[in-house]
Amino acid sequence: MSSITSREYNIEIVGIVGTGAMGRGIAQIAALAGLKVKLYDTNAAAVGAARDYLADTFSKLVAKGKLDNSRSLAALACVTGAQTLDDLKDCNLVVEAIVEKLDVKRALFKDLEGIVGENCILASNTSSLSITAIAAACADPSRVVGYHFFNPVPLMKVVEVIDGLRSDPAAGNALMDVARRMGHTPVRAKDMPGFIVNHAGRGMNTEGLRIADEGVASFVDVDRIMREQAGFRLGPFELLDLTALDVSHPVMESIYHQFYEEPRFTPSPITGTRLAGGLIGRKAGEGFYAYVEGKQQVPQEAPAPTALPTRVWISNRVPAAREAVLALVQKAGVAVDDSSTPAADSLIVVTPLGLDATTAAVDENLDARRVVAIDTLFPLVDAQRRTLMTTPATTRAARDTAHALFVHDGIPVTVIRDSTGFVAQRVVATIVNIGCDIAQRRIASRRTSISPWTLGLGYPRGPLALGDALGAPTILTILRNMFGVLGDPRYRPSPWLARRAHLGLPLVQDDAADNEEQA
């Protein structure tokens, strides 16, 4: 932190440099909070267009009954254009929302430093670049702070406040207060690549991409599994379409390289190719999905098979999982093969954690032609979706009768190709594991806070809480089995996870001595 004495910051006039989607969104919430807003863009016409956009947005909100007309007029009156950077000289806060290039941001902040008063905070809306590196261009880096909003700003009610190594803590405190005034939830973060949300988002996005890249499941199937089985608001490809690949792909590459090619964050060639082809997402009308008049086009699922198996043999390697599967088999009225080894005509069902169906079959010396695996990480009864997985040797008859069996009660089933950890297991375990590394590095000021995850990423709960709900030992087993089969270091367990799983401690719990000091 800076050794410079903390100043007092009184923020009433906000300058915004860059009038794209992010700049407009920040202007909207600032104006509605009663702050005076000055818009600047190197393209003078863009400033007028941004103000017209805000006027149109406010009018639509009034028409929908979401905004009082008098407040709409007052907010619009708060927004004025700036012809030059010099017009921002009386601002108490300037937020840059320009191109994600370090040299361009550094040059801007160096220019602004010579224009604004000494009590003006210079904030960067960068999504992944180092705040310390941006601030290094300034003679006084203490007033440079990260202020990372998410698109669309008015709807994504979280903002990260990032302290650079020389940032004045009082400047960050002032931004926390202003965020609350604008109706957003602020979270404090250390200056690390990706901060909190984009760092944590690698678990969902890069693992989802890897699953698709391996040919395990289609984009839509991965999304369906993560939404309906794992309980996430959006699947990885829906989320990537929303953020758009022209934003998210450079962030993936930036975080990967800033962490010196850490395997956990390896980008996928899928996004690079699609970005080059212009298939960037919802705003372009086509991404991983097509969009007609803004509406996502999703293919219908094929009808499920109906022919049930004659009888079913269920692995007992995970006793609790066997009981859950057994209940579904009995509910469907299918005979159960209770022998120690499967009869020649039995469908064989295995319930691996972190293993692929092939390894599960070989470990128990089972006939892989009749083996189908079912994911039991999330409850099977009253589920919204179930996932089955075949070995490369599984016959069509075995696959289809298993599908018919587990869809018999009306719950949809997705059948995927062989994969260590199915889909939900490997994505959720990766999310929890990266969340544990964030806790280990002390990147977030409050590790138990759910707002970055639920508001910024649409997770059902924070990674540590998610891991506790499923059981830290279970997550550790999934990761160790994936790592053991593949030898891929991206799946090595975080020390934070392993130690708490071994000691029977919650993942959300800090070290006992630290808790005693805070009591």
Protein backbone atom coordinates (compact mmCIF):
# COMPACT_ATOMS: atom_id res chain seq x y z
CA MET A 1 0.00 0.00 0.00
CA SER A 2 1.04 3.61 -0.47
CA SER A 3 3.08 5.36 2.20
CA ILE A 4 1.42 8.66 1.23
CA THR A 5 -0.94 10.03 3.87
CA SER A 6 -4.57 9.20 3.08
CA ARG A 7 -6.61 12.05 1.66
CA GLU A 8 -10.27 12.81 2.06
CA TYR A 9 -12.27 12.13 -1.09
CA ASN A 10 -15.67 13.72 -1.68
CA ILE A 11 -17.14 12.39 -4.90
CA GLU A 12 -19.90 14.41 -6.56
CA ILE A 13 -18.60 14.91 -10.12
CA VAL A 14 -17.66 11.83 -12.13
CA GLY A 15 -15.80 11.90 -15.41
CA ILE A 16 -16.11 8.90 -17.70
CA VAL A 17 -13.61 8.35 -20.49
CA GLY A 18 -14.97 6.01 -23.14
CA THR A 19 -18.63 5.93 -24.15
CA GLY A 20 -19.06 2.33 -25.22
CA ALA A 21 -21.37 -0.12 -23.46
CA MET A 22 -19.41 0.00 -20.20
CA GLY A 23 -19.02 3.79 -20.15
CA ARG A 24 -22.72 4.30 -20.86
CA GLY A 25 -23.71 1.82 -18.19
CA ILE A 26 -21.54 3.49 -15.55
CA ALA A 27 -22.91 6.88 -16.58
CA GLN A 28 -26.47 5.59 -16.22
CA ILE A 29 -26.14 4.36 -12.63
CA ALA A 30 -24.06 7.40 -11.61
CA ALA A 31 -26.62 9.86 -13.00
CA LEU A 32 -29.52 8.02 -11.40
CA ALA A 33 -27.65 8.28 -8.08
CA GLY A 34 -27.60 12.06 -8.46
CA LEU A 35 -23.93 12.38 -9.35
CA LYS A 36 -22.90 14.87 -12.02
CA VAL A 37 -21.47 12.99 -14.99
CA LYS A 38 -19.11 14.26 -17.68
CA LEU A 39 -18.67 12.05 -20.73
CA TYR A 40 -15.55 12.13 -22.87
CA ASP A 41 -14.55 10.10 -25.91
CA THR A 42 -11.87 10.62 -28.53
CA ASN A 43 -14.72 10.32 -31.03
CA ALA A 44 -16.74 13.48 -30.33
CA ALA A 45 -19.83 12.08 -32.06
CA ALA A 46 -19.84 9.13 -29.66
CA VAL A 47 -20.45 11.48 -26.72
CA GLY A 48 -23.68 12.80 -28.22
CA ALA A 49 -24.73 9.29 -29.18
CA ALA A 50 -24.13 8.12 -25.61
CA ARG A 51 -26.28 10.90 -24.16
CA ASP A 52 -29.03 10.09 -26.68
CA TYR A 53 -28.77 6.46 -25.66
CA LEU A 54 -29.23 7.40 -22.00
CA ALA A 55 -32.23 9.58 -22.84
CA ASP A 56 -33.82 6.70 -24.76
CA THR A 57 -33.03 4.23 -21.96
CA PHE A 58 -34.56 6.49 -19.30
CA SER A 59 -37.68 6.97 -21.46
CA LYS A 60 -38.10 3.20 -21.84
CA LEU A 61 -37.72 2.70 -18.09
CA VAL A 62 -40.37 5.36 -17.47
CA ALA A 63 -42.73 3.71 -19.99
CA LYS A 64 -42.30 0.38 -18.21
CA GLY A 65 -43.03 1.95 -14.85
CA LYS A 66 -39.53 1.20 -13.56
CA LEU A 67 -38.47 4.86 -13.26
CA ASP A 68 -40.28 8.01 -12.20
CA ASN A 69 -40.39 10.64 -14.96
CA SER A 70 -39.10 13.45 -12.72
CA ARG A 71 -36.15 11.29 -11.66
CA SER A 72 -35.49 10.44 -15.31
CA LEU A 73 -35.32 14.12 -16.25
CA ALA A 74 -33.12 14.92 -13.26
CA ALA A 75 -30.73 12.10 -14.11
CA LEU A 76 -30.43 13.15 -17.74
CA ALA A 77 -29.77 16.73 -16.64
CA CYS A 78 -26.80 15.41 -14.65
CA VAL A 79 -25.09 14.17 -17.84
CA THR A 80 -23.03 16.54 -19.96
CA GLY A 81 -20.42 16.09 -22.65
CA ALA A 82 -16.74 16.99 -22.43
CA GLN A 83 -15.04 18.19 -25.59
CA THR A 84 -11.51 17.67 -24.26
CA LEU A 85 -9.84 15.94 -21.33
CA ASP A 86 -9.29 19.41 -19.84
CA ASP A 87 -13.05 19.64 -19.31
CA LEU A 88 -12.68 16.95 -16.63
CA LYS A 89 -10.49 19.14 -14.42
CA ASP A 90 -13.16 19.65 -11.73
CA CYS A 91 -14.04 15.95 -11.42
CA ASN A 92 -13.63 14.16 -8.09
CA LEU A 93 -13.48 10.78 -9.85
CA VAL A 94 -12.54 9.82 -13.40
CA VAL A 95 -13.34 6.29 -14.57
CA GLU A 96 -11.71 5.04 -17.75
CA ALA A 97 -13.65 2.49 -19.80
CA ILE A 98 -11.45 2.34 -22.88
CA VAL A 99 -9.63 -0.35 -24.86
CA GLU A 100 -8.03 -3.12 -22.79
CA LYS A 101 -4.43 -2.20 -23.62
CA LEU A 102 -1.94 -1.38 -20.88
CA ASP A 103 0.04 1.25 -22.79
CA VAL A 104 -3.12 3.13 -23.80
CA LYS A 105 -4.47 3.20 -20.25
CA ARG A 106 -1.11 4.30 -18.83
CA ALA A 107 -0.87 7.17 -21.31
CA LEU A 108 -4.41 8.31 -20.45
CA PHE A 109 -3.79 8.28 -16.70
CA LYS A 110 -0.53 10.18 -17.13
CA ASP A 111 -2.41 12.87 -19.08
CA LEU A 112 -5.27 13.00 -16.57
CA GLU A 113 -2.89 13.38 -13.65
CA GLY A 114 -1.78 16.75 -15.01
CA ILE A 115 -5.38 17.95 -15.44
CA VAL A 116 -7.44 16.93 -12.40
CA GLY A 117 -7.04 18.10 -8.81
CA GLU A 118 -4.93 16.19 -6.31
CA ASN A 119 -8.02 14.79 -4.54
CA CYS A 120 -9.45 13.26 -7.72
CA ILE A 121 -9.43 9.47 -7.86
CA LEU A 122 -8.34 7.89 -11.15
CA ALA A 123 -10.15 4.59 -11.57
CA SER A 124 -9.70 1.90 -14.22
CA ASN A 125 -12.53 -0.35 -15.33
CA THR A 126 -9.99 -2.90 -16.58
CA SER A 127 -11.16 -6.50 -16.36
CA SER A 128 -7.77 -8.13 -15.97
CA LEU A 129 -4.82 -5.72 -16.29
CA SER A 130 -2.66 -4.89 -13.29
CA ILE A 131 -3.72 -1.75 -11.42
CA THR A 132 -0.18 -1.42 -10.10
CA ALA A 133 1.17 -1.47 -13.66
CA ILE A 134 -1.34 1.17 -14.81
CA ALA A 135 -0.55 3.38 -11.80
CA ALA A 136 3.19 3.14 -12.43
CA ALA A 137 2.81 5.70 -15.23
CA CYS A 138 1.70 8.33 -12.70
CA ALA A 139 3.86 10.53 -10.48
CA ASP A 140 1.32 9.88 -7.71
CA PRO A 141 0.11 6.26 -8.00
CA SER A 142 -1.73 6.43 -4.66
CA ARG A 143 -4.96 7.70 -6.19
CA VAL A 144 -5.14 5.03 -8.91
CA VAL A 145 -7.62 2.27 -8.05
CA GLY A 146 -9.38 -0.47 -10.02
CA TYR A 147 -13.15 -0.11 -10.41
CA HIS A 148 -14.32 -3.12 -12.39
CA PHE A 149 -17.98 -3.16 -13.40
CA PHE A 150 -19.71 -5.91 -15.39
CA ASN A 151 -21.80 -5.70 -18.53
CA PRO A 152 -24.63 -4.78 -18.59
CA VAL A 153 -23.71 -2.42 -15.74
CA PRO A 154 -27.25 -1.47 -14.61
CA LEU A 155 -28.23 -5.15 -14.24
CA MET A 156 -24.98 -6.66 -12.93
CA LYS A 157 -25.13 -5.28 -9.41
CA VAL A 158 -21.57 -5.97 -8.33
CA VAL A 159 -18.34 -4.00 -8.77
CA GLU A 160 -14.79 -4.93 -7.80
CA VAL A 161 -12.65 -2.33 -6.05
CA ILE A 162 -9.01 -3.26 -6.60
CA ASP A 163 -6.13 -1.87 -4.56
CA GLY A 164 -2.83 -1.58 -6.40
CA LEU A 165 0.36 -1.94 -4.39
CA ARG A 166 0.57 1.84 -4.01
CA SER A 167 -3.15 2.67 -3.86
CA ASP A 168 -4.37 4.85 -1.00
CA PRO A 169 -6.84 2.71 1.01
CA ALA A 170 -9.02 5.78 1.50
CA ALA A 171 -9.47 6.06 -2.26
CA GLY A 172 -10.73 2.47 -2.38
CA ASN A 173 -13.00 3.17 0.60
CA ALA A 174 -14.49 6.14 -1.25
CA LEU A 175 -15.19 3.98 -4.30
CA MET A 176 -16.88 1.39 -2.07
CA ASP A 177 -19.18 4.12 -0.72
CA VAL A 178 -19.99 5.50 -4.17
CA ALA A 179 -20.76 1.98 -5.44
CA ARG A 180 -23.36 1.57 -2.70
CA ARG A 181 -24.79 5.00 -3.53
CA MET A 182 -25.21 3.80 -7.13
CA GLY A 183 -27.05 0.68 -5.96
CA HIS A 184 -24.20 -1.77 -6.50
CA THR A 185 -22.53 -4.23 -4.13
CA PRO A 186 -18.78 -3.52 -3.91
CA VAL A 187 -16.19 -6.20 -3.17
CA ARG A 188 -12.56 -5.48 -2.33
CA ALA A 189 -9.81 -7.37 -4.13
CA LYS A 190 -6.04 -7.54 -4.29
CA ASP A 191 -4.28 -6.68 -7.53
CA MET A 192 -4.01 -10.13 -9.07
CA PRO A 193 -4.72 -11.23 -12.66
CA GLY A 194 -8.48 -11.37 -13.16
CA PHE A 195 -9.07 -10.01 -9.64
CA ILE A 196 -11.93 -12.09 -8.15
CA VAL A 197 -14.68 -12.62 -10.71
CA ASN A 198 -12.69 -13.09 -13.92
CA HIS A 199 -10.17 -15.18 -11.99
CA ALA A 200 -12.92 -17.42 -10.61
CA GLY A 201 -14.72 -17.51 -13.95
CA ARG A 202 -11.93 -19.59 -15.44
CA GLY A 203 -13.43 -22.63 -13.70
CA MET A 204 -16.72 -22.46 -15.58
CA ASN A 205 -15.56 -21.13 -18.93
CA THR A 206 -12.25 -22.85 -19.58
CA GLU A 207 -13.49 -26.21 -18.30
CA GLY A 208 -16.70 -25.96 -20.32
CA LEU A 209 -14.63 -25.18 -23.41
CA ARG A 210 -12.31 -28.07 -22.69
CA ILE A 211 -15.25 -30.45 -22.43
CA ALA A 212 -16.56 -29.28 -25.81
CA ASP A 213 -13.06 -29.40 -27.31
CA GLU A 214 -12.73 -33.05 -26.22
CA GLY A 215 -15.96 -33.88 -28.04
CA VAL A 216 -17.61 -35.01 -24.79
CA ALA A 217 -20.81 -33.00 -25.29
CA SER A 218 -22.23 -30.22 -27.44
CA PHE A 219 -22.39 -26.58 -26.35
CA VAL A 220 -26.12 -26.81 -25.67
CA ASP A 221 -25.78 -30.07 -23.73
CA VAL A 222 -23.06 -28.64 -21.50
CA ASP A 223 -25.26 -25.61 -20.80
CA ARG A 224 -28.29 -27.77 -20.04
CA ILE A 225 -26.32 -29.90 -17.60
CA MET A 226 -24.83 -26.92 -15.77
CA ARG A 227 -28.21 -25.16 -15.53
CA GLU A 228 -30.59 -28.01 -14.85
CA GLN A 229 -28.39 -30.53 -13.05
CA ALA A 230 -25.87 -28.31 -11.28
CA GLY A 231 -28.24 -25.38 -10.66
CA PHE A 232 -26.32 -22.53 -12.30
CA ARG A 233 -28.24 -19.59 -13.78
CA LEU A 234 -26.33 -19.82 -17.08
CA GLY A 235 -24.17 -22.48 -18.67
CA PRO A 236 -20.65 -21.55 -19.83
CA PHE A 237 -21.59 -20.97 -23.48
CA GLU A 238 -24.65 -18.90 -22.63
CA LEU A 239 -22.42 -16.82 -20.36
CA LEU A 240 -19.77 -16.42 -23.07
CA ASP A 241 -22.45 -15.30 -25.54
CA LEU A 242 -23.66 -12.73 -23.03
CA THR A 243 -20.20 -11.27 -22.31
CA ALA A 244 -19.13 -11.66 -25.98
CA LEU A 245 -15.88 -13.23 -27.16
CA ASP A 246 -14.32 -9.92 -28.18
CA VAL A 247 -14.26 -9.22 -24.44
CA SER A 248 -13.89 -12.65 -22.85
CA HIS A 249 -11.29 -14.24 -25.15
CA PRO A 250 -8.64 -11.52 -24.59
CA VAL A 251 -9.34 -11.77 -20.85
CA MET A 252 -8.75 -15.54 -20.97
CA GLU A 253 -5.44 -15.03 -22.73
CA SER A 254 -4.42 -12.15 -20.46
CA ILE A 255 -5.05 -14.10 -17.24
CA TYR A 256 -3.29 -17.19 -18.62
CA HIS A 257 -0.16 -15.25 -19.53
CA GLN A 258 -0.16 -13.10 -16.38
CA PHE A 259 -0.16 -16.30 -14.32
CA TYR A 260 2.82 -17.49 -16.41
CA GLU A 261 0.93 -20.21 -18.31
CA GLU A 262 -0.75 -21.75 -15.28
CA PRO A 263 -2.49 -24.91 -16.62
CA ARG A 264 -5.70 -24.16 -14.71
CA PHE A 265 -6.29 -21.13 -16.95
CA THR A 266 -5.33 -22.53 -20.37
CA PRO A 267 -7.54 -20.89 -23.04
CA SER A 268 -9.25 -22.87 -25.77
CA PRO A 269 -8.70 -22.61 -29.53
CA ILE A 270 -12.49 -22.72 -29.86
CA THR A 271 -12.91 -19.12 -28.74
CA GLY A 272 -10.01 -17.82 -30.82
CA THR A 273 -11.45 -19.37 -33.98
CA ARG A 274 -14.97 -18.15 -33.31
CA LEU A 275 -13.72 -14.65 -32.51
CA ALA A 276 -11.84 -14.56 -35.82
CA GLY A 277 -15.05 -15.60 -37.59
CA GLY A 278 -17.15 -12.92 -35.93
CA LEU A 279 -19.27 -15.41 -33.96
CA ILE A 280 -18.81 -13.41 -30.79
CA GLY A 281 -22.17 -13.71 -29.10
CA ARG A 282 -25.60 -12.23 -28.51
CA LYS A 283 -24.70 -8.68 -29.55
CA ALA A 284 -23.59 -9.93 -32.99
CA GLY A 285 -26.69 -12.07 -33.47
CA GLU A 286 -24.64 -15.26 -33.49
CA GLY A 287 -22.26 -16.93 -31.10
CA PHE A 288 -22.48 -20.40 -29.63
CA TYR A 289 -26.19 -19.89 -30.29
CA ALA A 290 -28.05 -18.01 -33.02
CA TYR A 291 -30.22 -15.07 -31.93
CA VAL A 292 -33.32 -13.95 -33.79
CA GLU A 293 -34.55 -10.52 -32.67
CA GLY A 294 -32.44 -10.98 -29.56
CA LYS A 295 -34.02 -14.35 -28.68
CA GLN A 296 -31.74 -17.33 -28.20
CA GLN A 297 -32.44 -20.20 -30.59
CA VAL A 298 -32.07 -23.56 -28.83
CA PRO A 299 -32.51 -26.89 -30.68
CA GLN A 300 -35.11 -29.25 -29.32
CA GLU A 301 -33.96 -32.44 -27.65
CA ALA A 302 -34.52 -35.67 -29.58
CA PRO A 303 -37.18 -38.00 -28.18
CA ALA A 304 -35.84 -40.42 -25.57
CA PRO A 305 -35.75 -44.17 -26.22
CA THR A 306 -38.52 -46.18 -24.56
CA ALA A 307 -37.28 -49.78 -24.40
CA LEU A 308 -36.24 -50.60 -20.81
CA PRO A 309 -33.46 -53.04 -19.88
CA THR A 310 -34.37 -56.55 -18.69
CA ARG A 311 -32.42 -56.12 -15.47
CA VAL A 312 -29.75 -53.86 -14.01
CA TRP A 313 -26.57 -54.53 -12.07
CA ILE A 314 -25.39 -51.52 -10.02
CA SER A 315 -21.83 -51.02 -8.79
CA ASN A 316 -21.39 -50.79 -5.02
CA ARG A 317 -18.10 -48.86 -5.13
CA VAL A 318 -19.98 -45.80 -3.78
CA PRO A 319 -22.71 -47.27 -1.52
CA ALA A 320 -24.76 -44.07 -1.15
CA ALA A 321 -24.74 -43.60 -4.93
CA ARG A 322 -25.87 -47.20 -5.40
CA GLU A 323 -28.85 -46.63 -3.13
CA ALA A 324 -29.89 -43.55 -5.12
CA VAL A 325 -29.67 -45.44 -8.42
CA LEU A 326 -31.42 -48.48 -6.94
CA ALA A 327 -34.42 -46.34 -5.96
CA LEU A 328 -34.82 -45.16 -9.57
CA VAL A 329 -34.48 -48.68 -10.99
CA GLN A 330 -37.12 -50.01 -8.61
CA LYS A 331 -39.39 -47.05 -9.35
CA ALA A 332 -39.23 -47.96 -13.05
CA GLY A 333 -40.18 -51.56 -12.22
CA VAL A 334 -36.97 -53.01 -13.65
CA ALA A 335 -35.44 -56.11 -12.05
CA VAL A 336 -32.23 -55.67 -10.06
CA ASP A 337 -29.29 -58.03 -10.51
CA ASP A 338 -27.95 -58.46 -6.95
CA SER A 339 -25.23 -60.96 -7.82
CA SER A 340 -21.58 -60.17 -7.07
CA THR A 341 -20.80 -60.04 -10.78
CA PRO A 342 -23.23 -58.95 -13.53
CA ALA A 343 -25.27 -61.57 -15.35
CA ALA A 344 -24.65 -61.84 -19.09
CA ASP A 345 -27.80 -59.92 -19.99
CA SER A 346 -27.69 -57.22 -17.32
CA LEU A 347 -27.21 -53.53 -18.02
CA ILE A 348 -24.22 -52.46 -15.92
CA VAL A 349 -24.46 -49.09 -14.14
CA VAL A 350 -21.45 -47.48 -12.46
CA THR A 351 -21.31 -44.27 -10.38
CA PRO A 352 -17.76 -42.89 -10.62
CA LEU A 353 -16.46 -39.70 -8.99
CA GLY A 354 -13.83 -38.02 -11.14
CA LEU A 355 -13.19 -41.15 -13.20
CA ASP A 356 -14.29 -41.87 -16.74
CA ALA A 357 -16.60 -44.79 -17.47
CA THR A 358 -13.74 -46.74 -19.02
CA THR A 359 -11.58 -46.57 -15.89
CA ALA A 360 -14.57 -47.43 -13.69
CA ALA A 361 -15.27 -50.49 -15.86
CA VAL A 362 -11.65 -51.66 -15.89
CA ASP A 363 -11.24 -51.14 -12.13
CA GLU A 364 -14.15 -53.54 -11.46
CA ASN A 365 -13.35 -55.91 -14.34
CA LEU A 366 -16.72 -55.21 -15.99
CA ASP A 367 -17.85 -55.79 -19.57
CA ALA A 368 -17.39 -52.28 -21.03
CA ARG A 369 -19.88 -53.05 -23.82
CA ARG A 370 -22.70 -52.99 -21.27
CA VAL A 371 -21.38 -50.25 -18.98
CA VAL A 372 -23.16 -46.92 -18.59
CA ALA A 373 -22.14 -44.40 -15.90
CA ILE A 374 -24.51 -42.02 -14.14
CA ASP A 375 -23.48 -38.80 -12.38
CA THR A 376 -24.64 -38.87 -8.74
CA LEU A 377 -22.89 -35.72 -7.47
CA PHE A 378 -26.24 -33.93 -7.39
CA PRO A 379 -29.49 -35.60 -6.19
CA LEU A 380 -31.09 -37.97 -8.68
CA VAL A 381 -34.60 -37.82 -7.20
CA ASP A 382 -36.59 -34.66 -8.01
CA ALA A 383 -33.72 -33.55 -10.27
CA GLN A 384 -34.22 -31.32 -13.31
CA ARG A 385 -31.74 -33.32 -15.41
CA ARG A 386 -29.58 -36.43 -15.18
CA THR A 387 -26.36 -37.21 -17.03
CA LEU A 388 -25.28 -40.59 -18.38
CA MET A 389 -21.88 -41.45 -19.83
CA THR A 390 -20.79 -44.31 -22.05
CA THR A 391 -17.45 -46.02 -22.65
CA PRO A 392 -16.10 -46.16 -26.22
CA ALA A 393 -17.19 -49.81 -26.24
CA THR A 394 -20.75 -49.33 -24.93
CA THR A 395 -23.31 -50.71 -27.36
CA ARG A 396 -26.20 -48.69 -28.65
CA ALA A 397 -28.61 -51.10 -26.96
CA ALA A 398 -26.98 -50.56 -23.56
CA ARG A 399 -26.90 -46.80 -24.06
CA ASP A 400 -30.53 -46.56 -25.17
CA THR A 401 -31.98 -48.85 -22.52
CA ALA A 402 -30.10 -46.90 -19.82
CA HIS A 403 -31.46 -43.67 -21.28
CA ALA A 404 -35.00 -45.06 -21.23
CA LEU A 405 -34.56 -46.27 -17.65
CA PHE A 406 -33.37 -43.00 -16.18
CA VAL A 407 -35.85 -40.84 -18.10
CA HIS A 408 -38.74 -43.12 -17.11
CA ASP A 409 -40.05 -40.73 -14.43
CA GLY A 410 -40.06 -37.77 -16.82
CA ILE A 411 -36.73 -36.20 -15.82
CA PRO A 412 -34.72 -35.34 -18.97
CA VAL A 413 -31.45 -37.18 -19.54
CA THR A 414 -28.33 -36.10 -21.38
CA VAL A 415 -26.00 -38.82 -22.67
CA ILE A 416 -22.36 -37.78 -23.10
CA ARG A 417 -19.20 -39.49 -24.33
CA ASP A 418 -16.59 -40.75 -21.91
CA SER A 419 -15.06 -38.04 -19.73
CA THR A 420 -13.19 -37.97 -16.45
CA GLY A 421 -15.72 -36.37 -14.10
CA PHE A 422 -18.69 -36.27 -16.49
CA VAL A 423 -19.58 -32.56 -17.06
CA ALA A 424 -21.01 -31.22 -13.80
CA GLN A 425 -18.42 -32.95 -11.62
CA ARG A 426 -15.42 -31.62 -13.45
CA VAL A 427 -16.76 -28.07 -13.89
CA VAL A 428 -17.95 -27.74 -10.29
CA ALA A 429 -14.77 -29.29 -8.89
CA THR A 430 -12.69 -26.88 -10.98
CA ILE A 431 -14.76 -23.91 -9.78
CA VAL A 432 -14.35 -24.96 -6.14
CA ASN A 433 -10.64 -25.63 -6.61
CA ILE A 434 -9.95 -22.21 -8.12
CA GLY A 435 -12.07 -20.61 -5.40
CA CYS A 436 -9.89 -22.37 -2.83
CA ASP A 437 -6.76 -20.99 -4.52
CA ILE A 438 -8.27 -17.49 -4.38
CA ALA A 439 -8.79 -17.99 -0.65
CA GLN A 440 -5.27 -19.39 -0.26
CA ARG A 441 -3.82 -16.30 -1.95
CA ARG A 442 -5.98 -13.96 0.17
CA ILE A 443 -7.14 -12.21 -3.01
CA ALA A 444 -10.63 -11.44 -1.72
CA SER A 445 -11.02 -9.42 1.45
CA ARG A 446 -14.04 -11.53 2.49
CA ARG A 447 -13.78 -15.13 1.35
CA THR A 448 -17.28 -16.00 2.57
CA SER A 449 -18.96 -13.20 0.60
CA ILE A 450 -21.27 -14.59 -2.09
CA SER A 451 -21.81 -11.39 -4.04
CA PRO A 452 -18.91 -11.71 -6.54
CA TRP A 453 -20.05 -15.19 -7.49
CA THR A 454 -23.82 -14.84 -7.47
CA LEU A 455 -24.03 -11.29 -8.85
CA GLY A 456 -21.00 -11.36 -11.14
CA LEU A 457 -21.08 -14.93 -12.45
CA GLY A 458 -24.57 -16.25 -11.71
CA TYR A 459 -23.30 -19.10 -9.52
CA PRO A 460 -25.88 -20.57 -7.13
CA ARG A 461 -23.46 -19.83 -4.25
CA GLY A 462 -19.80 -19.00 -3.72
CA PRO A 463 -17.19 -21.66 -4.62
CA LEU A 464 -16.27 -22.41 -1.01
CA ALA A 465 -19.90 -22.66 0.09
CA LEU A 466 -20.61 -24.82 -2.96
CA GLY A 467 -17.73 -27.10 -2.01
CA ASP A 468 -19.01 -27.35 1.56
CA ALA A 469 -22.52 -28.19 0.34
CA LEU A 470 -21.21 -31.08 -1.78
CA GLY A 471 -18.53 -32.06 0.72
CA ALA A 472 -14.87 -31.07 0.58
CA PRO A 473 -13.75 -34.75 0.67
CA THR A 474 -15.99 -35.46 -2.34
CA ILE A 475 -14.53 -32.56 -4.34
CA LEU A 476 -11.02 -33.68 -3.36
CA THR A 477 -11.80 -37.21 -4.57
CA ILE A 478 -13.07 -35.94 -7.91
CA LEU A 479 -9.97 -33.81 -8.48
CA ARG A 480 -7.52 -36.52 -7.41
CA ASN A 481 -9.21 -39.08 -9.65
CA MET A 482 -9.18 -36.74 -12.66
CA PHE A 483 -5.54 -35.90 -11.99
CA GLY A 484 -4.68 -39.59 -11.54
CA VAL A 485 -6.28 -40.67 -14.83
CA LEU A 486 -5.15 -37.73 -16.97
CA GLY A 487 -1.96 -36.55 -15.24
CA ASP A 488 -3.06 -33.01 -16.13
CA PRO A 489 -1.79 -30.45 -13.56
CA ARG A 490 -4.89 -28.29 -14.08
CA TYR A 491 -6.68 -30.74 -11.77
CA ARG A 492 -4.16 -30.78 -8.91
CA PRO A 493 -6.03 -29.98 -5.69
CA SER A 494 -5.54 -26.64 -3.96
CA PRO A 495 -3.76 -26.86 -0.58
CA TRP A 496 -6.69 -24.95 0.96
CA LEU A 497 -9.08 -27.69 -0.20
CA ALA A 498 -6.86 -30.66 0.69
CA ARG A 499 -6.03 -29.47 4.22
CA ARG A 500 -9.62 -28.69 5.16
CA ALA A 501 -10.90 -31.94 3.65
CA HIS A 502 -8.34 -33.92 5.66
CA LEU A 503 -9.11 -32.06 8.90
CA GLY A 504 -12.88 -32.10 8.47
CA LEU A 505 -13.04 -28.29 8.41
CA PRO A 506 -15.41 -26.17 6.29
CA LEU A 507 -13.84 -24.58 3.21
CA VAL A 508 -15.28 -21.21 4.23
CA GLN A 509 -13.34 -21.33 7.52
CA ASP A 510 -10.09 -19.43 7.85
CA ASP A 511 -7.21 -20.71 9.98
CA ALA A 512 -8.31 -21.13 13.60
CA ALA A 513 -5.62 -18.79 14.92
CA ASP A 514 -6.76 -16.05 12.52
CA ASN A 515 -10.35 -16.50 13.66
CA GLU A 516 -9.25 -16.20 17.30
CA GLU A 517 -7.42 -12.95 16.54
CA GLN A 518 -10.54 -11.48 14.91
CA ALA A 519 -12.83 -12.52 17.79
